[in-house]
Amino acid sequence: MFEALRETIAQRIAELEAGRQFNLRDLLGDEWPDGQGAAMQLGRDFRANLHAFPGVADEGRDGENLRWYRKA
């Protein structure tokens, strides 16, 4: 799933203003997978490939266990 959405993710990150905090669920909107397993795997794959998205930093998880990122 990550490979199918890689270009969409990159494009949407590029559209964000510098310093903007985001999470994948909000970034993808309707394209976010319905199943919990698929959603978790997409999140894991994005984090494992974070190096492919220059200027994006992992900001950690919030109280609801949702992982946040920041565009530099």
C-alpha atoms as a PDB file:
ATOM      1  CA  MET A   1       0.000   0.000   0.000  1.00  0.00           C
ATOM      2  CA  PHE A   2       2.818   2.417   0.827  1.00  0.00           C
ATOM      3  CA  GLU A   3       4.335   2.136  -2.642  1.00  0.00           C
ATOM      4  CA  ALA A   4       0.950   2.860  -4.233  1.00  0.00           C
ATOM      5  CA  LEU A   5       0.570   6.005  -2.102  1.00  0.00           C
ATOM      6  CA  ARG A   6       4.207   7.167  -2.060  1.00  0.00           C
ATOM      7  CA  GLU A   7       3.760   9.781  -4.795  1.00  0.00           C
ATOM      8  CA  THR A   8       0.520  11.079  -3.272  1.00  0.00           C
ATOM      9  CA  ILE A   9       2.180  11.400   0.135  1.00  0.00           C
ATOM     10  CA  ALA A  10       5.178  13.233  -1.367  1.00  0.00           C
ATOM     11  CA  GLN A  11       2.911  15.611  -3.287  1.00  0.00           C
ATOM     12  CA  ARG A  12       0.787  16.439  -0.255  1.00  0.00           C
ATOM     13  CA  ILE A  13       3.841  17.010   1.929  1.00  0.00           C
ATOM     14  CA  ALA A  14       5.234  19.355  -0.735  1.00  0.00           C
ATOM     15  CA  GLU A  15       2.005  21.385  -0.531  1.00  0.00           C
ATOM     16  CA  LEU A  16       2.366  21.926   3.234  1.00  0.00           C
ATOM     17  CA  GLU A  17       3.925  25.132   4.522  1.00  0.00           C
ATOM     18  CA  ALA A  18       7.262  24.881   6.317  1.00  0.00           C
ATOM     19  CA  GLY A  19       6.959  24.123  10.020  1.00  0.00           C
ATOM     20  CA  ARG A  20       3.561  22.454   9.624  1.00  0.00           C
ATOM     21  CA  GLN A  21       2.883  19.457  11.840  1.00  0.00           C
ATOM     22  CA  PHE A  22       0.903  16.606  10.293  1.00  0.00           C
ATOM     23  CA  ASN A  23      -0.067  12.973  10.653  1.00  0.00           C
ATOM     24  CA  LEU A  24      -0.587  10.513   7.821  1.00  0.00           C
ATOM     25  CA  ARG A  25      -4.288  10.001   8.487  1.00  0.00           C
ATOM     26  CA  ASP A  26      -5.062  13.698   8.054  1.00  0.00           C
ATOM     27  CA  LEU A  27      -2.602  14.061   5.177  1.00  0.00           C
ATOM     28  CA  LEU A  28      -4.247  11.281   3.168  1.00  0.00           C
ATOM     29  CA  GLY A  29      -7.868  11.997   4.084  1.00  0.00           C
ATOM     30  CA  ASP A  30     -10.156   9.727   2.026  1.00  0.00           C
ATOM     31  CA  GLU A  31      -7.186   7.698   0.811  1.00  0.00           C
ATOM     32  CA  TRP A  32      -6.375   6.538   4.358  1.00  0.00           C
ATOM     33  CA  PRO A  33      -6.946   2.744   4.518  1.00  0.00           C
ATOM     34  CA  ASP A  34     -10.086   1.510   6.258  1.00  0.00           C
ATOM     35  CA  GLY A  35      -8.643  -1.533   7.990  1.00  0.00           C
ATOM     36  CA  GLN A  36      -6.597  -1.078  11.158  1.00  0.00           C
ATOM     37  CA  GLY A  37      -3.959  -3.566  10.005  1.00  0.00           C
ATOM     38  CA  ALA A  38      -3.458  -1.822   6.655  1.00  0.00           C
ATOM     39  CA  ALA A  39      -3.367   1.584   8.342  1.00  0.00           C
ATOM     40  CA  MET A  40      -0.757   0.452  10.861  1.00  0.00           C
ATOM     41  CA  GLN A  41       1.387  -1.078   8.125  1.00  0.00           C
ATOM     42  CA  LEU A  42       1.191   2.103   6.052  1.00  0.00           C
ATOM     43  CA  GLY A  43       2.350   4.106   9.062  1.00  0.00           C
ATOM     44  CA  ARG A  44       5.228   1.694   9.713  1.00  0.00           C
ATOM     45  CA  ASP A  45       6.294   1.768   6.072  1.00  0.00           C
ATOM     46  CA  PHE A  46       6.200   5.571   5.939  1.00  0.00           C
ATOM     47  CA  ARG A  47       8.318   5.845   9.066  1.00  0.00           C
ATOM     48  CA  ALA A  48      10.791   3.257   7.739  1.00  0.00           C
ATOM     49  CA  ASN A  49      11.095   5.284   4.522  1.00  0.00           C
ATOM     50  CA  LEU A  50      11.165   8.714   6.165  1.00  0.00           C
ATOM     51  CA  HIS A  51      14.637   9.271   4.688  1.00  0.00           C
ATOM     52  CA  ALA A  52      12.971   9.400   1.241  1.00  0.00           C
ATOM     53  CA  PHE A  53      11.051  12.528   2.299  1.00  0.00           C
ATOM     54  CA  PRO A  54      13.695  15.229   2.858  1.00  0.00           C
ATOM     55  CA  GLY A  55      12.798  17.854   5.402  1.00  0.00           C
ATOM     56  CA  VAL A  56      10.263  15.690   7.255  1.00  0.00           C
ATOM     57  CA  ALA A  57      10.984  14.962  10.919  1.00  0.00           C
ATOM     58  CA  ASP A  58       9.344  12.455  13.246  1.00  0.00           C
ATOM     59  CA  GLU A  59       7.775  14.403  16.134  1.00  0.00           C
ATOM     60  CA  GLY A  60       6.752  11.326  18.131  1.00  0.00           C
ATOM     61  CA  ARG A  61       3.366  10.155  19.371  1.00  0.00           C
ATOM     62  CA  ASP A  62       0.658  12.060  21.171  1.00  0.00           C
ATOM     63  CA  GLY A  63      -1.567  10.920  24.045  1.00  0.00           C
ATOM     64  CA  GLU A  64      -3.822   9.055  21.608  1.00  0.00           C
ATOM     65  CA  ASN A  65      -0.827   7.127  20.230  1.00  0.00           C
ATOM     66  CA  LEU A  66      -1.023   9.009  16.919  1.00  0.00           C
ATOM     67  CA  ARG A  67       2.379   9.660  15.332  1.00  0.00           C
ATOM     68  CA  TRP A  68       3.073  13.227  14.197  1.00  0.00           C
ATOM     69  CA  TYR A  69       5.586  14.589  11.710  1.00  0.00           C
ATOM     70  CA  ARG A  70       6.810  18.094  10.919  1.00  0.00           C
ATOM     71  CA  LYS A  71       7.802  19.556   7.585  1.00  0.00           C
ATOM     72  CA  ALA A  72      10.983  21.605   7.980  1.00  0.00           C
END
